[in-house]
Amino acid sequence: MSEPYRHVVLFRLHDGTDDATRDAAVAALASLHDLPGVLEWTVRVSDDTRKGVVVVENALFESEAAFRAFQAHPRHAEAGALLRETADWWVGDYPEPQGRDADDIT
């Protein structure tokens, strides 16, 4: 069996983005929670606004293959189109460590 795959995205909303647009972006991301292969799905607006408004997406997929299928899904493409107009983002994707203590992770 393949290992779970973590996908973390920080979306920094463009300066001047209004609350309605922010809420639509959060809702679009949150709606992806039920796509196939998703094990965990969290979307939140960060409390820390020192660098602007940041939306955090933290997801865990069954496998890297499930994540790749998620990326190709039309609903993901729709959410991505909205976020391209609303934010810049940074992505962290990696196999989720299994069965190790935190001290063993480098």
PDB file of N, CA and C in Angstrom:
ATOM      1  N   MET A   1       0.850  -1.194   0.000  1.00  0.00           N
ATOM      2  CA  MET A   1       0.000   0.000   0.000  1.00  0.00           C
ATOM      3  C   MET A   1       0.885   1.244   0.000  1.00  0.00           C
ATOM      4  N   SER A   2       0.481   2.251  -0.751  1.00  0.00           N
ATOM      5  CA  SER A   2       1.264   3.482  -0.792  1.00  0.00           C
ATOM      6  C   SER A   2       0.963   4.328   0.440  1.00  0.00           C
ATOM      7  N   GLU A   3       1.883   5.243   0.708  1.00  0.00           N
ATOM      8  CA  GLU A   3       1.748   6.058   1.915  1.00  0.00           C
ATOM      9  C   GLU A   3       0.881   7.287   1.651  1.00  0.00           C
ATOM     10  N   PRO A   4       0.243   7.797   2.713  1.00  0.00           N
ATOM     11  CA  PRO A   4      -0.541   9.023   2.570  1.00  0.00           C
ATOM     12  C   PRO A   4       0.331  10.182   2.083  1.00  0.00           C
ATOM     13  N   TYR A   5      -0.317  11.150   1.482  1.00  0.00           N
ATOM     14  CA  TYR A   5       0.382  12.268   0.868  1.00  0.00           C
ATOM     15  C   TYR A   5      -0.207  13.578   1.390  1.00  0.00           C
ATOM     16  N   ARG A   6       0.660  14.455   1.905  1.00  0.00           N
ATOM     17  CA  ARG A   6       0.255  15.741   2.494  1.00  0.00           C
ATOM     18  C   ARG A   6       0.346  16.853   1.451  1.00  0.00           C
ATOM     19  N   HIS A   7      -0.643  17.740   1.476  1.00  0.00           N
ATOM     20  CA  HIS A   7      -0.710  18.889   0.564  1.00  0.00           C
ATOM     21  C   HIS A   7      -1.080  20.110   1.405  1.00  0.00           C
ATOM     22  N   VAL A   8      -0.163  21.068   1.514  1.00  0.00           N
ATOM     23  CA  VAL A   8      -0.382  22.276   2.306  1.00  0.00           C
ATOM     24  C   VAL A   8      -0.204  23.481   1.388  1.00  0.00           C
ATOM     25  N   VAL A   9      -1.182  24.380   1.412  1.00  0.00           N
ATOM     26  CA  VAL A   9      -1.107  25.581   0.579  1.00  0.00           C
ATOM     27  C   VAL A   9      -1.398  26.799   1.449  1.00  0.00           C
ATOM     28  N   LEU A  10      -0.578  27.819   1.281  1.00  0.00           N
ATOM     29  CA  LEU A  10      -0.821  29.125   1.894  1.00  0.00           C
ATOM     30  C   LEU A  10      -1.186  30.085   0.768  1.00  0.00           C
ATOM     31  N   PHE A  11      -2.413  30.573   0.803  1.00  0.00           N
ATOM     32  CA  PHE A  11      -2.903  31.531  -0.188  1.00  0.00           C
ATOM     33  C   PHE A  11      -2.863  32.907   0.453  1.00  0.00           C
ATOM     34  N   ARG A  12      -2.048  33.803  -0.079  1.00  0.00           N
ATOM     35  CA  ARG A  12      -2.050  35.186   0.400  1.00  0.00           C
ATOM     36  C   ARG A  12      -2.951  35.976  -0.528  1.00  0.00           C
ATOM     37  N   LEU A  13      -4.070  36.435   0.017  1.00  0.00           N
ATOM     38  CA  LEU A  13      -5.026  37.192  -0.794  1.00  0.00           C
ATOM     39  C   LEU A  13      -4.423  38.535  -1.201  1.00  0.00           C
ATOM     40  N   HIS A  14      -4.749  38.947  -2.394  1.00  0.00           N
ATOM     41  CA  HIS A  14      -4.257  40.234  -2.875  1.00  0.00           C
ATOM     42  C   HIS A  14      -4.758  41.349  -1.964  1.00  0.00           C
ATOM     43  N   ASP A  15      -3.906  42.335  -1.749  1.00  0.00           N
ATOM     44  CA  ASP A  15      -4.303  43.491  -0.948  1.00  0.00           C
ATOM     45  C   ASP A  15      -5.565  44.097  -1.546  1.00  0.00           C
ATOM     46  N   GLY A  16      -6.482  44.492  -0.679  1.00  0.00           N
ATOM     47  CA  GLY A  16      -7.721  45.098  -1.134  1.00  0.00           C
ATOM     48  C   GLY A  16      -8.829  44.105  -1.448  1.00  0.00           C
ATOM     49  N   THR A  17      -8.555  42.805  -1.302  1.00  0.00           N
ATOM     50  CA  THR A  17      -9.606  41.812  -1.541  1.00  0.00           C
ATOM     51  C   THR A  17     -10.719  42.018  -0.516  1.00  0.00           C
ATOM     52  N   ASP A  18     -11.950  42.138  -0.999  1.00  0.00           N
ATOM     53  CA  ASP A  18     -13.055  42.395  -0.069  1.00  0.00           C
ATOM     54  C   ASP A  18     -13.490  41.106   0.629  1.00  0.00           C
ATOM     55  N   ASP A  19     -14.289  41.278   1.689  1.00  0.00           N
ATOM     56  CA  ASP A  19     -14.723  40.134   2.502  1.00  0.00           C
ATOM     57  C   ASP A  19     -15.533  39.129   1.697  1.00  0.00           C
ATOM     58  N   ALA A  20     -16.366  39.596   0.796  1.00  0.00           N
ATOM     59  CA  ALA A  20     -17.190  38.686   0.004  1.00  0.00           C
ATOM     60  C   ALA A  20     -16.322  37.799  -0.892  1.00  0.00           C
ATOM     61  N   THR A  21     -15.293  38.381  -1.491  1.00  0.00           N
ATOM     62  CA  THR A  21     -14.386  37.604  -2.337  1.00  0.00           C
ATOM     63  C   THR A  21     -13.586  36.621  -1.491  1.00  0.00           C
ATOM     64  N   ARG A  22     -13.127  37.082  -0.314  1.00  0.00           N
ATOM     65  CA  ARG A  22     -12.418  36.183   0.609  1.00  0.00           C
ATOM     66  C   ARG A  22     -13.320  35.008   0.984  1.00  0.00           C
ATOM     67  N   ASP A  23     -14.547  35.291   1.336  1.00  0.00           N
ATOM     68  CA  ASP A  23     -15.469  34.241   1.746  1.00  0.00           C
ATOM     69  C   ASP A  23     -15.751  33.266   0.598  1.00  0.00           C
ATOM     70  N   ALA A  24     -15.854  33.778  -0.620  1.00  0.00           N
ATOM     71  CA  ALA A  24     -16.078  32.914  -1.781  1.00  0.00           C
ATOM     72  C   ALA A  24     -14.878  32.005  -2.021  1.00  0.00           C
ATOM     73  N   ALA A  25     -13.675  32.538  -1.846  1.00  0.00           N
ATOM     74  CA  ALA A  25     -12.467  31.731  -2.014  1.00  0.00           C
ATOM     75  C   ALA A  25     -12.403  30.632  -0.964  1.00  0.00           C
ATOM     76  N   VAL A  26     -12.690  30.981   0.283  1.00  0.00           N
ATOM     77  CA  VAL A  26     -12.682  29.992   1.370  1.00  0.00           C
ATOM     78  C   VAL A  26     -13.739  28.922   1.102  1.00  0.00           C
ATOM     79  N   ALA A  27     -14.921  29.332   0.688  1.00  0.00           N
ATOM     80  CA  ALA A  27     -15.990  28.372   0.406  1.00  0.00           C
ATOM     81  C   ALA A  27     -15.624  27.448  -0.754  1.00  0.00           C
ATOM     82  N   ALA A  28     -15.009  28.005  -1.796  1.00  0.00           N
ATOM     83  CA  ALA A  28     -14.602  27.179  -2.936  1.00  0.00           C
ATOM     84  C   ALA A  28     -13.594  26.119  -2.506  1.00  0.00           C
ATOM     85  N   LEU A  29     -12.624  26.524  -1.695  1.00  0.00           N
ATOM     86  CA  LEU A  29     -11.633  25.550  -1.210  1.00  0.00           C
ATOM     87  C   LEU A  29     -12.281  24.530  -0.279  1.00  0.00           C
ATOM     88  N   ALA A  30     -13.100  25.003   0.640  1.00  0.00           N
ATOM     89  CA  ALA A  30     -13.729  24.102   1.610  1.00  0.00           C
ATOM     90  C   ALA A  30     -14.609  23.063   0.924  1.00  0.00           C
ATOM     91  N   SER A  31     -15.189  23.423  -0.206  1.00  0.00           N
ATOM     92  CA  SER A  31     -16.102  22.508  -0.905  1.00  0.00           C
ATOM     93  C   SER A  31     -15.401  21.287  -1.493  1.00  0.00           C
ATOM     94  N   LEU A  32     -14.089  21.304  -1.544  1.00  0.00           N
ATOM     95  CA  LEU A  32     -13.343  20.197  -2.144  1.00  0.00           C
ATOM     96  C   LEU A  32     -13.133  19.030  -1.183  1.00  0.00           C
ATOM     97  N   HIS A  33     -13.614  19.162   0.041  1.00  0.00           N
ATOM     98  CA  HIS A  33     -13.358  18.164   1.088  1.00  0.00           C
ATOM     99  C   HIS A  33     -13.873  16.769   0.756  1.00  0.00           C
ATOM    100  N   ASP A  34     -14.875  16.671  -0.117  1.00  0.00           N
ATOM    101  CA  ASP A  34     -15.505  15.380  -0.367  1.00  0.00           C
ATOM    102  C   ASP A  34     -15.035  14.707  -1.662  1.00  0.00           C
ATOM    103  N   LEU A  35     -13.987  15.238  -2.279  1.00  0.00           N
ATOM    104  CA  LEU A  35     -13.477  14.601  -3.491  1.00  0.00           C
ATOM    105  C   LEU A  35     -12.810  13.269  -3.149  1.00  0.00           C
ATOM    106  N   PRO A  36     -12.793  12.343  -4.095  1.00  0.00           N
ATOM    107  CA  PRO A  36     -12.210  11.025  -3.826  1.00  0.00           C
ATOM    108  C   PRO A  36     -10.751  11.123  -3.375  1.00  0.00           C
ATOM    109  N   GLY A  37     -10.393  10.275  -2.428  1.00  0.00           N
ATOM    110  CA  GLY A  37      -9.010  10.182  -1.971  1.00  0.00           C
ATOM    111  C   GLY A  37      -8.646  11.113  -0.844  1.00  0.00           C
ATOM    112  N   VAL A  38      -9.543  12.036  -0.458  1.00  0.00           N
ATOM    113  CA  VAL A  38      -9.260  12.979   0.619  1.00  0.00           C
ATOM    114  C   VAL A  38      -9.502  12.293   1.960  1.00  0.00           C
ATOM    115  N   LEU A  39      -8.469  12.270   2.809  1.00  0.00           N
ATOM    116  CA  LEU A  39      -8.574  11.720   4.156  1.00  0.00           C
ATOM    117  C   LEU A  39      -8.808  12.807   5.196  1.00  0.00           C
ATOM    118  N   GLU A  40      -8.162  13.951   5.020  1.00  0.00           N
ATOM    119  CA  GLU A  40      -8.317  15.105   5.914  1.00  0.00           C
ATOM    120  C   GLU A  40      -8.395  16.347   5.046  1.00  0.00           C
ATOM    121  N   TRP A  41      -9.191  17.320   5.494  1.00  0.00           N
ATOM    122  CA  TRP A  41      -9.313  18.562   4.718  1.00  0.00           C
ATOM    123  C   TRP A  41      -9.631  19.708   5.677  1.00  0.00           C
ATOM    124  N   THR A  42      -8.750  20.682   5.753  1.00  0.00           N
ATOM    125  CA  THR A  42      -8.956  21.843   6.604  1.00  0.00           C
ATOM    126  C   THR A  42      -8.654  23.100   5.792  1.00  0.00           C
ATOM    127  N   VAL A  43      -9.565  24.061   5.856  1.00  0.00           N
ATOM    128  CA  VAL A  43      -9.360  25.365   5.237  1.00  0.00           C
ATOM    129  C   VAL A  43      -9.714  26.408   6.292  1.00  0.00           C
ATOM    130  N   ARG A  44      -8.770  27.300   6.571  1.00  0.00           N
ATOM    131  CA  ARG A  44      -8.987  28.333   7.583  1.00  0.00           C
ATOM    132  C   ARG A  44      -8.313  29.634   7.144  1.00  0.00           C
ATOM    133  N   VAL A  45      -8.850  30.747   7.606  1.00  0.00           N
ATOM    134  CA  VAL A  45      -8.185  32.035   7.449  1.00  0.00           C
ATOM    135  C   VAL A  45      -7.257  32.184   8.651  1.00  0.00           C
ATOM    136  N   SER A  46      -5.997  32.481   8.389  1.00  0.00           N
ATOM    137  CA  SER A  46      -5.011  32.618   9.460  1.00  0.00           C
ATOM    138  C   SER A  46      -5.350  33.783  10.368  1.00  0.00           C
ATOM    139  N   ASP A  47      -5.110  33.583  11.666  1.00  0.00           N
ATOM    140  CA  ASP A  47      -5.268  34.667  12.636  1.00  0.00           C
ATOM    141  C   ASP A  47      -4.166  35.715  12.485  1.00  0.00           C
ATOM    142  N   ASP A  48      -3.023  35.306  11.964  1.00  0.00           N
ATOM    143  CA  ASP A  48      -1.860  36.194  11.823  1.00  0.00           C
ATOM    144  C   ASP A  48      -1.994  36.972  10.514  1.00  0.00           C
ATOM    145  N   THR A  49      -2.184  38.275  10.607  1.00  0.00           N
ATOM    146  CA  THR A  49      -2.360  39.106   9.411  1.00  0.00           C
ATOM    147  C   THR A  49      -1.190  40.058   9.174  1.00  0.00           C
ATOM    148  N   ARG A  50      -0.051  39.774   9.811  1.00  0.00           N
ATOM    149  CA  ARG A  50       1.098  40.677   9.643  1.00  0.00           C
ATOM    150  C   ARG A  50       1.549  40.784   8.194  1.00  0.00           C
ATOM    151  N   LYS A  51       1.368  39.740   7.410  1.00  0.00           N
ATOM    152  CA  LYS A  51       1.770  39.747   5.998  1.00  0.00           C
ATOM    153  C   LYS A  51       0.562  39.761   5.074  1.00  0.00           C
ATOM    154  N   GLY A  52      -0.587  40.195   5.587  1.00  0.00           N
ATOM    155  CA  GLY A  52      -1.808  40.225   4.799  1.00  0.00           C
ATOM    156  C   GLY A  52      -2.740  39.104   5.220  1.00  0.00           C
ATOM    157  N   VAL A  53      -3.806  38.921   4.449  1.00  0.00           N
ATOM    158  CA  VAL A  53      -4.778  37.872   4.730  1.00  0.00           C
ATOM    159  C   VAL A  53      -4.296  36.587   4.064  1.00  0.00           C
ATOM    160  N   VAL A  54      -4.146  35.534   4.876  1.00  0.00           N
ATOM    161  CA  VAL A  54      -3.655  34.250   4.388  1.00  0.00           C
ATOM    162  C   VAL A  54      -4.701  33.181   4.669  1.00  0.00           C
ATOM    163  N   VAL A  55      -5.041  32.424   3.637  1.00  0.00           N
ATOM    164  CA  VAL A  55      -5.923  31.275   3.771  1.00  0.00           C
ATOM    165  C   VAL A  55      -5.042  30.032   3.744  1.00  0.00           C
ATOM    166  N   VAL A  56      -5.245  29.162   4.728  1.00  0.00           N
ATOM    167  CA  VAL A  56      -4.450  27.947   4.862  1.00  0.00           C
ATOM    168  C   VAL A  56      -5.300  26.756   4.441  1.00  0.00           C
ATOM    169  N   GLU A  57      -4.754  25.949   3.547  1.00  0.00           N
ATOM    170  CA  GLU A  57      -5.378  24.686   3.141  1.00  0.00           C
ATOM    171  C   GLU A  57      -4.431  23.571   3.563  1.00  0.00           C
ATOM    172  N   ASN A  58      -4.905  22.651   4.382  1.00  0.00           N
ATOM    173  CA  ASN A  58      -4.086  21.541   4.869  1.00  0.00           C
ATOM    174  C   ASN A  58      -4.851  20.263   4.581  1.00  0.00           C
ATOM    175  N   ALA A  59      -4.306  19.420   3.700  1.00  0.00           N
ATOM    176  CA  ALA A  59      -5.018  18.229   3.261  1.00  0.00           C
ATOM    177  C   ALA A  59      -4.120  17.005   3.340  1.00  0.00           C
ATOM    178  N   LEU A  60      -4.764  15.875   3.558  1.00  0.00           N
ATOM    179  CA  LEU A  60      -4.080  14.593   3.511  1.00  0.00           C
ATOM    180  C   LEU A  60      -4.852  13.691   2.559  1.00  0.00           C
ATOM    181  N   PHE A  61      -4.124  13.067   1.648  1.00  0.00           N
ATOM    182  CA  PHE A  61      -4.706  12.182   0.640  1.00  0.00           C
ATOM    183  C   PHE A  61      -4.278  10.746   0.894  1.00  0.00           C
ATOM    184  N   GLU A  62      -5.055   9.820   0.385  1.00  0.00           N
ATOM    185  CA  GLU A  62      -4.746   8.393   0.539  1.00  0.00           C
ATOM    186  C   GLU A  62      -3.359   8.052   0.014  1.00  0.00           C
ATOM    187  N   SER A  63      -2.959   8.729  -1.055  1.00  0.00           N
ATOM    188  CA  SER A  63      -1.694   8.426  -1.722  1.00  0.00           C
ATOM    189  C   SER A  63      -1.338   9.588  -2.643  1.00  0.00           C
ATOM    190  N   GLU A  64      -0.131   9.550  -3.156  1.00  0.00           N
ATOM    191  CA  GLU A  64       0.245  10.567  -4.145  1.00  0.00           C
ATOM    192  C   GLU A  64      -0.620  10.436  -5.391  1.00  0.00           C
ATOM    193  N   ALA A  65      -0.961   9.210  -5.782  1.00  0.00           N
ATOM    194  CA  ALA A  65      -1.825   9.006  -6.947  1.00  0.00           C
ATOM    195  C   ALA A  65      -3.203   9.632  -6.724  1.00  0.00           C
ATOM    196  N   ALA A  66      -3.740   9.498  -5.512  1.00  0.00           N
ATOM    197  CA  ALA A  66      -5.028  10.123  -5.202  1.00  0.00           C
ATOM    198  C   ALA A  66      -4.911  11.643  -5.278  1.00  0.00           C
ATOM    199  N   PHE A  67      -3.785  12.184  -4.815  1.00  0.00           N
ATOM    200  CA  PHE A  67      -3.564  13.626  -4.899  1.00  0.00           C
ATOM    201  C   PHE A  67      -3.501  14.073  -6.358  1.00  0.00           C
ATOM    202  N   ARG A  68      -2.786  13.333  -7.199  1.00  0.00           N
ATOM    203  CA  ARG A  68      -2.689  13.698  -8.626  1.00  0.00           C
ATOM    204  C   ARG A  68      -4.069  13.672  -9.286  1.00  0.00           C
ATOM    205  N   ALA A  69      -4.904  12.704  -8.923  1.00  0.00           N
ATOM    206  CA  ALA A  69      -6.264  12.645  -9.472  1.00  0.00           C
ATOM    207  C   ALA A  69      -7.072  13.853  -8.993  1.00  0.00           C
ATOM    208  N   PHE A  70      -6.890  14.238  -7.733  1.00  0.00           N
ATOM    209  CA  PHE A  70      -7.544  15.423  -7.175  1.00  0.00           C
ATOM    210  C   PHE A  70      -7.157  16.662  -7.983  1.00  0.00           C
ATOM    211  N   GLN A  71      -5.873  16.807  -8.281  1.00  0.00           N
ATOM    212  CA  GLN A  71      -5.412  17.973  -9.038  1.00  0.00           C
ATOM    213  C   GLN A  71      -6.095  18.081 -10.395  1.00  0.00           C
ATOM    214  N   ALA A  72      -6.413  16.936 -10.996  1.00  0.00           N
ATOM    215  CA  ALA A  72      -7.019  16.917 -12.334  1.00  0.00           C
ATOM    216  C   ALA A  72      -8.544  17.047 -12.294  1.00  0.00           C
ATOM    217  N   HIS A  73      -9.134  17.015 -11.122  1.00  0.00           N
ATOM    218  CA  HIS A  73     -10.590  17.044 -11.004  1.00  0.00           C
ATOM    219  C   HIS A  73     -11.130  18.415 -11.436  1.00  0.00           C
ATOM    220  N   PRO A  74     -12.249  18.444 -12.162  1.00  0.00           N
ATOM    221  CA  PRO A  74     -12.821  19.728 -12.618  1.00  0.00           C
ATOM    222  C   PRO A  74     -13.169  20.688 -11.479  1.00  0.00           C
ATOM    223  N   ARG A  75     -13.626  20.192 -10.345  1.00  0.00           N
ATOM    224  CA  ARG A  75     -13.942  21.090  -9.226  1.00  0.00           C
ATOM    225  C   ARG A  75     -12.688  21.751  -8.678  1.00  0.00           C
ATOM    226  N   HIS A  76     -11.571  21.039  -8.689  1.00  0.00           N
ATOM    227  CA  HIS A  76     -10.304  21.643  -8.262  1.00  0.00           C
ATOM    228  C   HIS A  76      -9.910  22.735  -9.253  1.00  0.00           C
ATOM    229  N   ALA A  77     -10.103  22.469 -10.538  1.00  0.00           N
ATOM    230  CA  ALA A  77      -9.782  23.475 -11.563  1.00  0.00           C
ATOM    231  C   ALA A  77     -10.624  24.733 -11.382  1.00  0.00           C
ATOM    232  N   GLU A  78     -11.898  24.580 -11.035  1.00  0.00           N
ATOM    233  CA  GLU A  78     -12.771  25.735 -10.811  1.00  0.00           C
ATOM    234  C   GLU A  78     -12.290  26.563  -9.622  1.00  0.00           C
ATOM    235  N   ALA A  79     -11.967  25.898  -8.532  1.00  0.00           N
ATOM    236  CA  ALA A  79     -11.463  26.615  -7.351  1.00  0.00           C
ATOM    237  C   ALA A  79     -10.145  27.301  -7.684  1.00  0.00           C
ATOM    238  N   GLY A  80      -9.282  26.615  -8.415  1.00  0.00           N
ATOM    239  CA  GLY A  80      -8.000  27.183  -8.812  1.00  0.00           C
ATOM    240  C   GLY A  80      -8.165  28.438  -9.655  1.00  0.00           C
ATOM    241  N   ALA A  81      -9.153  28.446 -10.529  1.00  0.00           N
ATOM    242  CA  ALA A  81      -9.389  29.622 -11.374  1.00  0.00           C
ATOM    243  C   ALA A  81      -9.769  30.827 -10.515  1.00  0.00           C
ATOM    244  N   LEU A  82     -10.610  30.608  -9.509  1.00  0.00           N
ATOM    245  CA  LEU A  82     -10.985  31.699  -8.619  1.00  0.00           C
ATOM    246  C   LEU A  82      -9.774  32.198  -7.835  1.00  0.00           C
ATOM    247  N   LEU A  83      -8.980  31.279  -7.309  1.00  0.00           N
ATOM    248  CA  LEU A  83      -7.829  31.677  -6.497  1.00  0.00           C
ATOM    249  C   LEU A  83      -6.747  32.361  -7.327  1.00  0.00           C
ATOM    250  N   ARG A  84      -6.613  31.998  -8.590  1.00  0.00           N
ATOM    251  CA  ARG A  84      -5.628  32.676  -9.450  1.00  0.00           C
ATOM    252  C   ARG A  84      -5.934  34.161  -9.558  1.00  0.00           C
ATOM    253  N   GLU A  85      -7.212  34.521  -9.508  1.00  0.00           N
ATOM    254  CA  GLU A  85      -7.621  35.931  -9.598  1.00  0.00           C
ATOM    255  C   GLU A  85      -7.536  36.643  -8.251  1.00  0.00           C
ATOM    256  N   THR A  86      -7.443  35.873  -7.158  1.00  0.00           N
ATOM    257  CA  THR A  86      -7.615  36.407  -5.814  1.00  0.00           C
ATOM    258  C   THR A  86      -6.344  36.402  -4.981  1.00  0.00           C
ATOM    259  N   ALA A  87      -5.389  35.509  -5.307  1.00  0.00           N
ATOM    260  CA  ALA A  87      -4.277  35.270  -4.379  1.00  0.00           C
ATOM    261  C   ALA A  87      -3.026  34.793  -5.095  1.00  0.00           C
ATOM    262  N   ASP A  88      -1.928  34.928  -4.391  1.00  0.00           N
ATOM    263  CA  ASP A  88      -0.689  34.226  -4.725  1.00  0.00           C
ATOM    264  C   ASP A  88      -0.577  33.095  -3.716  1.00  0.00           C
ATOM    265  N   TRP A  89       0.137  32.029  -4.057  1.00  0.00           N
ATOM    266  CA  TRP A  89       0.216  30.923  -3.100  1.00  0.00           C
ATOM    267  C   TRP A  89       1.539  30.199  -3.132  1.00  0.00           C
ATOM    268  N   TRP A  90       1.761  29.503  -2.028  1.00  0.00           N
ATOM    269  CA  TRP A  90       2.947  28.673  -1.828  1.00  0.00           C
ATOM    270  C   TRP A  90       2.458  27.290  -1.431  1.00  0.00           C
ATOM    271  N   VAL A  91       3.095  26.264  -1.992  1.00  0.00           N
ATOM    272  CA  VAL A  91       2.625  24.887  -1.833  1.00  0.00           C
ATOM    273  C   VAL A  91       3.716  24.023  -1.225  1.00  0.00           C
ATOM    274  N   GLY A  92       3.308  23.141  -0.324  1.00  0.00           N
ATOM    275  CA  GLY A  92       4.178  22.098   0.205  1.00  0.00           C
ATOM    276  C   GLY A  92       3.490  20.762   0.023  1.00  0.00           C
ATOM    277  N   ASP A  93       4.082  19.874  -0.775  1.00  0.00           N
ATOM    278  CA  ASP A  93       3.552  18.526  -1.014  1.00  0.00           C
ATOM    279  C   ASP A  93       4.625  17.518  -0.640  1.00  0.00           C
ATOM    280  N   TYR A  94       4.237  16.480   0.110  1.00  0.00           N
ATOM    281  CA  TYR A  94       5.222  15.477   0.520  1.00  0.00           C
ATOM    282  C   TYR A  94       4.534  14.228   1.048  1.00  0.00           C
ATOM    283  N   PRO A  95       5.225  13.082   0.956  1.00  0.00           N
ATOM    284  CA  PRO A  95       4.678  11.870   1.574  1.00  0.00           C
ATOM    285  C   PRO A  95       4.600  12.070   3.084  1.00  0.00           C
ATOM    286  N   GLU A  96       3.494  11.676   3.670  1.00  0.00           N
ATOM    287  CA  GLU A  96       3.287  11.833   5.104  1.00  0.00           C
ATOM    288  C   GLU A  96       4.090  10.761   5.850  1.00  0.00           C
ATOM    289  N   PRO A  97       4.997  11.174   6.730  1.00  0.00           N
ATOM    290  CA  PRO A  97       5.761  10.182   7.491  1.00  0.00           C
ATOM    291  C   PRO A  97       4.822   9.301   8.314  1.00  0.00           C
ATOM    292  N   GLN A  98       5.070   8.017   8.305  1.00  0.00           N
ATOM    293  CA  GLN A  98       4.248   7.064   9.038  1.00  0.00           C
ATOM    294  C   GLN A  98       5.108   6.253   9.995  1.00  0.00           C
ATOM    295  N   GLY A  99       4.614   6.089  11.207  1.00  0.00           N
ATOM    296  CA  GLY A  99       5.270   5.208  12.153  1.00  0.00           C
ATOM    297  C   GLY A  99       6.598   5.688  12.685  1.00  0.00           C
ATOM    298  N   ARG A 100       6.831   6.974  12.647  1.00  0.00           N
ATOM    299  CA  ARG A 100       8.087   7.510  13.181  1.00  0.00           C
ATOM    300  C   ARG A 100       7.790   8.540  14.242  1.00  0.00           C
ATOM    301  N   ASP A 101       8.694   8.641  15.187  1.00  0.00           N
ATOM    302  CA  ASP A 101       8.600   9.704  16.180  1.00  0.00           C
ATOM    303  C   ASP A 101       9.027  11.006  15.540  1.00  0.00           C
ATOM    304  N   ALA A 102       8.520  12.099  16.060  1.00  0.00           N
ATOM    305  CA  ALA A 102       8.860  13.413  15.517  1.00  0.00           C
ATOM    306  C   ALA A 102      10.368  13.652  15.542  1.00  0.00           C
ATOM    307  N   ASP A 103      11.071  13.091  16.503  1.00  0.00           N
ATOM    308  CA  ASP A 103      12.526  13.287  16.595  1.00  0.00           C
ATOM    309  C   ASP A 103      13.265  12.623  15.436  1.00  0.00           C
ATOM    310  N   ASP A 104      12.628  11.654  14.785  1.00  0.00           N
ATOM    311  CA  ASP A 104      13.264  10.940  13.680  1.00  0.00           C
ATOM    312  C   ASP A 104      13.094  11.643  12.353  1.00  0.00           C
ATOM    313  N   ILE A 105      12.232  12.649  12.306  1.00  0.00           N
ATOM    314  CA  ILE A 105      11.946  13.343  11.057  1.00  0.00           C
ATOM    315  C   ILE A 105      12.952  14.474  10.870  1.00  0.00           C
ATOM    316  N   THR A 106      13.573  14.494   9.705  1.00  0.00           N
ATOM    317  CA  THR A 106      14.555  15.537   9.422  1.00  0.00           C
ATOM    318  C   THR A 106      14.144  16.327   8.208  1.00  0.00           C
TER     319      THR A 106
END
